[in-house]
Amino acid sequence: MPLATTSASIQEIRKQFPVLGRTVNGKPLVYFDNAATTQKPLSVIQSLTDYYHNYNANIHRGIHTLAEEATRAYEATREKVRAFINASSAQEVIFVRGVTEGINLVASSYGRMVLKPNDEVIISALEHHSNIVPWQLVSASKRVPG
């Protein structure tokens, strides 16, 4: 059943994204370029500020206090995501920098493992090149020379 959306609930959601409080050309800002970058809600901005203020360090790469704190926070986030998406283990949660990196990871790992010679990958004509090229490369690597 779809969630009921009211203008009041939309306004509450918009309040979570500070940049959406701007007015452009006399109208409330609407941002559709999410493929390039997504706007961040207050909770993310506050978490990043907390990280940079209190324990900015590489995760999984040090044994000093800041690195251990950063690693614990990172892994706690992985566990929160695991619970949210109902994954069976936190190891099923993989963080990437963006959709393009994620598509490349799926194509180069899962795609190379599952596709067999002469299999076909079907995508729509509406795909962005970042979802075409990785599959073209995997498909080309699986073709039987002939």
Protein backbone atom coordinates (compact mmCIF):
# COMPACT_ATOMS: atom_id res chain seq x y z
CA MET A 1 0.00 0.00 0.00
CA PRO A 2 1.55 3.36 -0.99
CA LEU A 3 2.31 5.87 1.72
CA ALA A 4 -0.01 8.84 1.85
CA THR A 5 1.87 11.99 0.93
CA THR A 6 0.56 15.37 1.93
CA SER A 7 1.98 18.79 1.29
CA ALA A 8 2.65 18.96 5.04
CA SER A 9 4.72 15.75 4.98
CA ILE A 10 6.60 16.95 1.89
CA GLN A 11 7.42 20.19 3.68
CA GLU A 12 8.70 18.24 6.71
CA ILE A 13 10.95 16.16 4.43
CA ARG A 14 12.21 19.29 2.64
CA LYS A 15 13.15 20.83 6.03
CA GLN A 16 15.62 17.99 6.52
CA PHE A 17 17.61 19.21 3.49
CA PRO A 18 18.98 22.70 4.20
CA VAL A 19 19.66 23.57 0.55
CA LEU A 20 15.99 22.99 -0.28
CA GLY A 21 15.16 26.02 1.86
CA ARG A 22 16.54 28.20 -0.93
CA THR A 23 14.44 30.11 -3.41
CA VAL A 24 15.55 30.22 -7.05
CA ASN A 25 13.82 32.50 -9.54
CA GLY A 26 11.19 33.24 -6.92
CA LYS A 27 10.26 29.58 -6.37
CA PRO A 28 11.33 26.92 -3.85
CA LEU A 29 14.40 25.07 -5.11
CA VAL A 30 13.72 21.69 -6.72
CA TYR A 31 16.81 19.56 -7.31
CA PHE A 32 16.71 16.73 -9.87
CA ASP A 33 20.42 16.19 -10.64
CA ASN A 34 20.73 13.29 -8.19
CA ALA A 35 22.77 11.28 -10.68
CA ALA A 36 25.56 13.84 -10.29
CA THR A 37 25.28 14.43 -6.55
CA THR A 38 22.56 14.07 -3.97
CA GLN A 39 21.68 16.69 -1.43
CA LYS A 40 22.38 15.74 2.17
CA PRO A 41 19.83 15.74 5.00
CA LEU A 42 20.65 17.38 8.33
CA SER A 43 21.37 14.02 9.96
CA VAL A 44 24.15 13.31 7.45
CA ILE A 45 25.58 16.82 7.69
CA GLN A 46 25.57 16.59 11.49
CA SER A 47 27.22 13.15 11.42
CA LEU A 48 29.95 14.39 9.08
CA THR A 49 30.54 17.45 11.26
CA ASP A 50 30.80 15.21 14.33
CA TYR A 51 33.25 12.93 12.52
CA TYR A 52 35.50 15.79 11.37
CA HIS A 53 35.38 17.48 14.76
CA ASN A 54 35.95 14.42 16.93
CA TYR A 55 37.55 11.39 15.26
CA ASN A 56 38.65 12.14 11.71
CA ALA A 57 40.88 9.17 10.78
CA ASN A 58 41.12 6.31 8.29
CA ILE A 59 38.93 3.34 9.11
CA HIS A 60 40.37 -0.19 9.35
CA ARG A 61 43.90 1.23 8.95
CA GLY A 62 45.19 2.25 12.36
CA ILE A 63 45.40 1.15 15.96
CA HIS A 64 45.37 4.63 17.49
CA THR A 65 42.33 6.02 19.29
CA LEU A 66 40.93 8.12 16.44
CA ALA A 67 41.19 5.29 13.91
CA GLU A 68 39.52 2.86 16.30
CA GLU A 69 36.69 5.34 16.99
CA ALA A 70 36.21 5.99 13.27
CA THR A 71 36.16 2.25 12.57
CA ARG A 72 33.58 1.63 15.31
CA ALA A 73 31.34 4.40 13.95
CA TYR A 74 31.69 3.08 10.39
CA GLU A 75 30.81 -0.47 11.42
CA ALA A 76 27.91 0.78 13.55
CA THR A 77 26.56 2.48 10.43
CA ARG A 78 26.96 -0.75 8.47
CA GLU A 79 24.91 -2.52 11.16
CA LYS A 80 22.19 0.15 11.03
CA VAL A 81 21.96 -0.26 7.24
CA ARG A 82 21.90 -4.06 7.64
CA ALA A 83 18.92 -3.80 9.99
CA PHE A 84 17.16 -1.24 7.76
CA ILE A 85 17.41 -3.39 4.60
CA ASN A 86 16.95 -6.63 6.58
CA ALA A 87 20.23 -8.15 5.36
CA SER A 88 21.21 -11.37 7.12
CA SER A 89 24.67 -10.04 8.02
CA ALA A 90 26.58 -6.78 8.06
CA GLN A 91 29.05 -8.32 5.59
CA GLU A 92 26.30 -8.09 2.96
CA VAL A 93 26.40 -4.29 3.20
CA ILE A 94 28.98 -2.72 0.90
CA PHE A 95 29.51 1.03 0.84
CA VAL A 96 30.53 2.70 -2.41
CA ARG A 97 31.14 6.35 -3.26
CA GLY A 98 28.29 6.51 -5.74
CA VAL A 99 26.07 4.65 -8.17
CA THR A 100 28.71 4.50 -10.91
CA GLU A 101 31.18 2.78 -8.59
CA GLY A 102 28.42 0.41 -7.47
CA ILE A 103 27.48 -0.53 -11.04
CA ASN A 104 31.14 -1.10 -11.91
CA LEU A 105 31.54 -3.30 -8.83
CA VAL A 106 28.47 -5.41 -9.68
CA ALA A 107 29.44 -5.73 -13.34
CA SER A 108 33.08 -6.58 -12.66
CA SER A 109 32.45 -9.03 -9.81
CA TYR A 110 28.99 -10.58 -10.08
CA GLY A 111 28.77 -10.08 -13.86
CA ARG A 112 32.14 -11.71 -14.53
CA MET A 113 31.26 -14.58 -12.20
CA VAL A 114 27.77 -15.30 -13.57
CA LEU A 115 27.90 -14.45 -17.27
CA LYS A 116 29.00 -17.21 -19.61
CA PRO A 117 30.45 -16.95 -23.12
CA ASN A 118 27.90 -15.60 -25.59
CA ASP A 119 25.37 -14.60 -22.90
CA GLU A 120 23.59 -11.38 -23.69
CA VAL A 121 23.10 -8.44 -21.34
CA ILE A 122 19.91 -6.57 -22.06
CA ILE A 123 19.54 -2.93 -21.02
CA SER A 124 17.12 -0.24 -22.08
CA ALA A 125 17.83 2.50 -24.58
CA LEU A 126 17.32 4.99 -21.75
CA GLU A 127 20.38 3.89 -19.75
CA HIS A 128 23.05 6.37 -18.77
CA HIS A 129 26.47 5.54 -20.19
CA SER A 130 27.67 4.70 -16.66
CA ASN A 131 25.30 1.71 -16.78
CA ILE A 132 26.20 0.76 -20.36
CA VAL A 133 29.99 0.74 -20.44
CA PRO A 134 30.61 -1.67 -17.52
CA TRP A 135 28.24 -4.22 -19.04
CA GLN A 136 29.78 -3.77 -22.50
CA LEU A 137 33.22 -4.48 -21.02
CA VAL A 138 32.04 -7.57 -19.15
CA SER A 139 30.16 -8.83 -22.20
CA ALA A 140 33.21 -8.32 -24.43
CA SER A 141 35.41 -10.23 -21.98
CA LYS A 142 32.99 -13.21 -22.12
CA ARG A 143 32.67 -13.48 -25.90
CA VAL A 144 34.08 -16.57 -27.50
CA PRO A 145 36.63 -15.55 -30.12
CA GLY A 146 35.51 -16.72 -33.46
